[in-house]
Structure formats: C-alpha cells, structure tokens
C-alpha cells in the first residue's frame, strides 16, 4: 500500500517543482509539441520518468529492504533533474545554440531551489507514509 502512495507523491512533487522552476517558459513554444501547454508537457515527462524509476526500484526491491524511503528520496533528485532538463531543452535549448554542458548548467541553476524544497517535502512525507504503513511489531531500519 505504501508504494502507490509514494509513487503518487513523487509524481505530484515532481510536477510541482518543475512548474515552479519553469513556469515562466510557458510562453515559449515546445519543440516537441508546438500547441502543448507547459503543464501538459511537464505532466507527461514526470509521469514517464516516475513510472520508469518506480519499475526499476521495484525490480531491485530485494536489495533495498529497510531503506526504501532513503533510496526513493535519492532517486527523486536525478528524476526531477531529468524532467527539468527535458523541459528546458524542449522549450529553450532546442531553439538556440546551447551545448549539453550549458543546458545542464542552466537547468540546475533554474531548478536547484525547487528540487531542494520538493526533496525535503518528499523525504518527510515518505517517512510519514512508511511509518504509518509499517506494522507495530516490525523494527524501524
């Protein structure tokens, strides 16, 4: 029961932080879809990235027993950076001459605060969800 809740939390926070970081880019057209809104594009990228991350996580779950929350929180940062980079490339970099290093630097500079806040919220909320769903006799690890 905790994994669907954690996945939904991750998707919602990933969407929220990307919109917070790049909402001003909503005016510029996307190279992937000229008529798409930034909200739709962020939602699609976030859903795809989190679904992929969750599948990988569940496939490796035996290795992560007891540290699920920490591993998901650590996966949250690169997943959000991937979504933010895709949005930046789609909305800005594809229309100009950014190198990969420049695009990554600008992406990080525009999104570090929103990712830090979203990661803190995710970690606290995930810890609360895991603590609420853990049986009383199971030790915390």
Protein backbone atom coordinates (compact mmCIF):
# COMPACT_ATOMS: atom_id res chain seq x y z
CA UNK A 1 0.00 0.00 0.00
CA UNK A 2 2.87 2.37 0.66
CA UNK A 3 4.41 2.09 -2.83
CA UNK A 4 1.45 3.51 -4.78
CA UNK A 5 1.22 6.36 -2.26
CA UNK A 6 4.96 7.05 -2.57
CA UNK A 7 4.77 6.93 -6.37
CA UNK A 8 1.83 9.35 -6.44
CA UNK A 9 3.63 11.66 -4.01
CA UNK A 10 6.74 11.58 -6.21
CA UNK A 11 4.80 12.34 -9.38
CA UNK A 12 2.87 15.22 -7.80
CA UNK A 13 6.00 16.79 -6.28
CA UNK A 14 7.98 16.31 -9.50
CA UNK A 15 5.26 18.12 -11.46
CA UNK A 16 5.00 20.88 -8.85
CA UNK A 17 8.74 21.56 -8.69
CA UNK A 18 9.11 21.58 -12.49
CA UNK A 19 6.23 24.02 -12.84
CA UNK A 20 7.72 26.20 -10.10
CA UNK A 21 11.13 26.22 -11.78
CA UNK A 22 9.99 26.68 -15.38
CA UNK A 23 6.54 28.26 -15.32
CA UNK A 24 7.93 31.38 -17.00
CA UNK A 25 8.84 29.24 -20.00
CA UNK A 26 5.16 28.54 -20.65
CA UNK A 27 5.05 31.35 -23.18
CA UNK A 28 7.75 29.83 -25.37
CA UNK A 29 6.73 27.05 -27.74
CA UNK A 30 7.86 23.48 -27.20
CA UNK A 31 9.92 21.87 -29.93
CA UNK A 32 8.24 18.54 -29.13
CA UNK A 33 4.68 19.84 -29.49
CA UNK A 34 4.03 23.36 -30.71
CA UNK A 35 0.49 23.50 -29.31
CA UNK A 36 1.17 21.82 -25.92
CA UNK A 37 0.93 23.77 -22.70
CA UNK A 38 3.82 23.61 -20.26
CA UNK A 39 1.51 21.91 -17.73
CA UNK A 40 0.73 19.07 -20.13
CA UNK A 41 4.37 18.66 -21.13
CA UNK A 42 5.60 18.63 -17.51
CA UNK A 43 2.89 16.14 -16.54
CA UNK A 44 3.80 13.76 -19.37
CA UNK A 45 7.53 13.91 -18.67
CA UNK A 46 7.02 13.50 -14.90
CA UNK A 47 4.65 10.57 -15.29
CA UNK A 48 7.03 8.80 -17.67
CA UNK A 49 10.12 9.46 -15.52
CA UNK A 50 8.47 8.35 -12.28
CA UNK A 51 6.91 5.27 -13.82
CA UNK A 52 10.32 4.24 -15.13
CA UNK A 53 12.00 4.98 -11.79
CA UNK A 54 9.35 3.02 -9.90
CA UNK A 55 9.70 -0.01 -12.18
CA UNK A 56 13.47 -0.02 -11.66
CA UNK A 57 13.00 0.43 -7.92
CA UNK A 58 10.52 -2.43 -7.62
CA UNK A 59 12.75 -4.66 -9.74
CA UNK A 60 15.63 -4.05 -7.31
CA UNK A 61 13.42 -4.07 -4.20
CA UNK A 62 15.07 -7.14 -2.60
CA UNK A 63 18.33 -5.23 -2.42
CA UNK A 64 16.66 -2.19 -0.84
CA UNK A 65 14.79 -3.77 2.06
CA UNK A 66 14.58 -1.41 5.02
CA UNK A 67 15.90 1.61 3.18
CA UNK A 68 13.10 2.20 0.71
CA UNK A 69 12.42 5.78 1.75
CA UNK A 70 16.05 6.84 1.52
CA UNK A 71 16.53 5.20 -1.87
CA UNK A 72 13.36 6.78 -3.26
CA UNK A 73 14.44 10.18 -1.94
CA UNK A 74 17.85 9.73 -3.58
CA UNK A 75 16.12 8.74 -6.84
CA UNK A 76 13.88 11.80 -6.61
CA UNK A 77 16.67 14.32 -7.33
CA UNK A 78 18.01 12.86 -10.61
CA UNK A 79 14.46 12.08 -11.77
CA UNK A 80 13.43 15.70 -11.24
CA UNK A 81 16.62 16.94 -12.91
CA UNK A 82 15.89 14.70 -15.89
CA UNK A 83 12.37 16.13 -16.20
CA UNK A 84 13.63 19.71 -15.79
CA UNK A 85 16.37 19.18 -18.37
CA UNK A 86 13.86 17.74 -20.86
CA UNK A 87 11.58 20.76 -20.35
CA UNK A 88 14.46 23.21 -20.73
CA UNK A 89 15.73 21.53 -23.88
CA UNK A 90 12.23 21.37 -25.34
CA UNK A 91 11.30 24.97 -24.53
CA UNK A 92 14.60 26.86 -24.79
CA UNK A 93 17.74 24.98 -25.80
CA UNK A 94 16.32 23.43 -28.96
CA UNK A 95 15.62 26.90 -30.36
CA UNK A 96 19.19 28.19 -29.80
CA UNK A 97 22.79 27.05 -29.60
CA UNK A 98 23.17 25.59 -26.10
CA UNK A 99 25.78 22.90 -25.60
CA UNK A 100 24.89 19.99 -23.35
CA UNK A 101 27.05 21.42 -20.56
CA UNK A 102 25.40 24.85 -20.89
CA UNK A 103 21.92 23.34 -20.90
CA UNK A 104 22.68 21.28 -17.78
CA UNK A 105 24.20 24.29 -16.01
CA UNK A 106 21.18 26.48 -16.75
CA UNK A 107 18.77 23.69 -15.81
CA UNK A 108 20.47 23.21 -12.46
CA UNK A 109 20.65 26.94 -11.77
CA UNK A 110 16.95 27.41 -12.54
CA UNK A 111 15.73 24.38 -10.59
CA UNK A 112 18.01 23.76 -7.60
CA UNK A 113 15.74 25.58 -5.13
CA UNK A 114 12.52 23.91 -6.25
CA UNK A 115 14.19 20.48 -6.27
CA UNK A 116 15.64 21.03 -2.79
CA UNK A 117 12.25 22.02 -1.36
CA UNK A 118 10.43 19.19 -3.14
CA UNK A 119 13.05 16.66 -1.98
CA UNK A 120 12.67 17.78 1.63
CA UNK A 121 8.87 17.53 1.41
CA UNK A 122 9.13 14.14 -0.32
CA UNK A 123 11.51 12.74 2.29
CA UNK A 124 9.39 13.90 5.23
CA UNK A 125 6.11 12.76 3.68
CA UNK A 126 7.58 9.43 2.56
CA UNK A 127 8.93 8.79 6.07
CA UNK A 128 5.47 9.51 7.46
CA UNK A 129 3.79 7.19 4.92
CA UNK A 130 6.24 4.37 5.60
CA UNK A 131 5.88 4.80 9.38
CA UNK A 132 2.06 4.72 9.14
CA UNK A 133 2.01 1.58 7.00
CA UNK A 134 4.64 -0.38 8.94
CA UNK A 135 3.19 -2.99 11.31
CA UNK A 136 3.75 -2.24 15.01
CA UNK A 137 5.97 -5.26 15.55
CA UNK A 138 8.29 -4.54 12.59
CA UNK A 139 11.52 -2.79 13.64
CA UNK A 140 12.44 0.51 12.02
CA UNK A 141 15.60 0.44 9.94
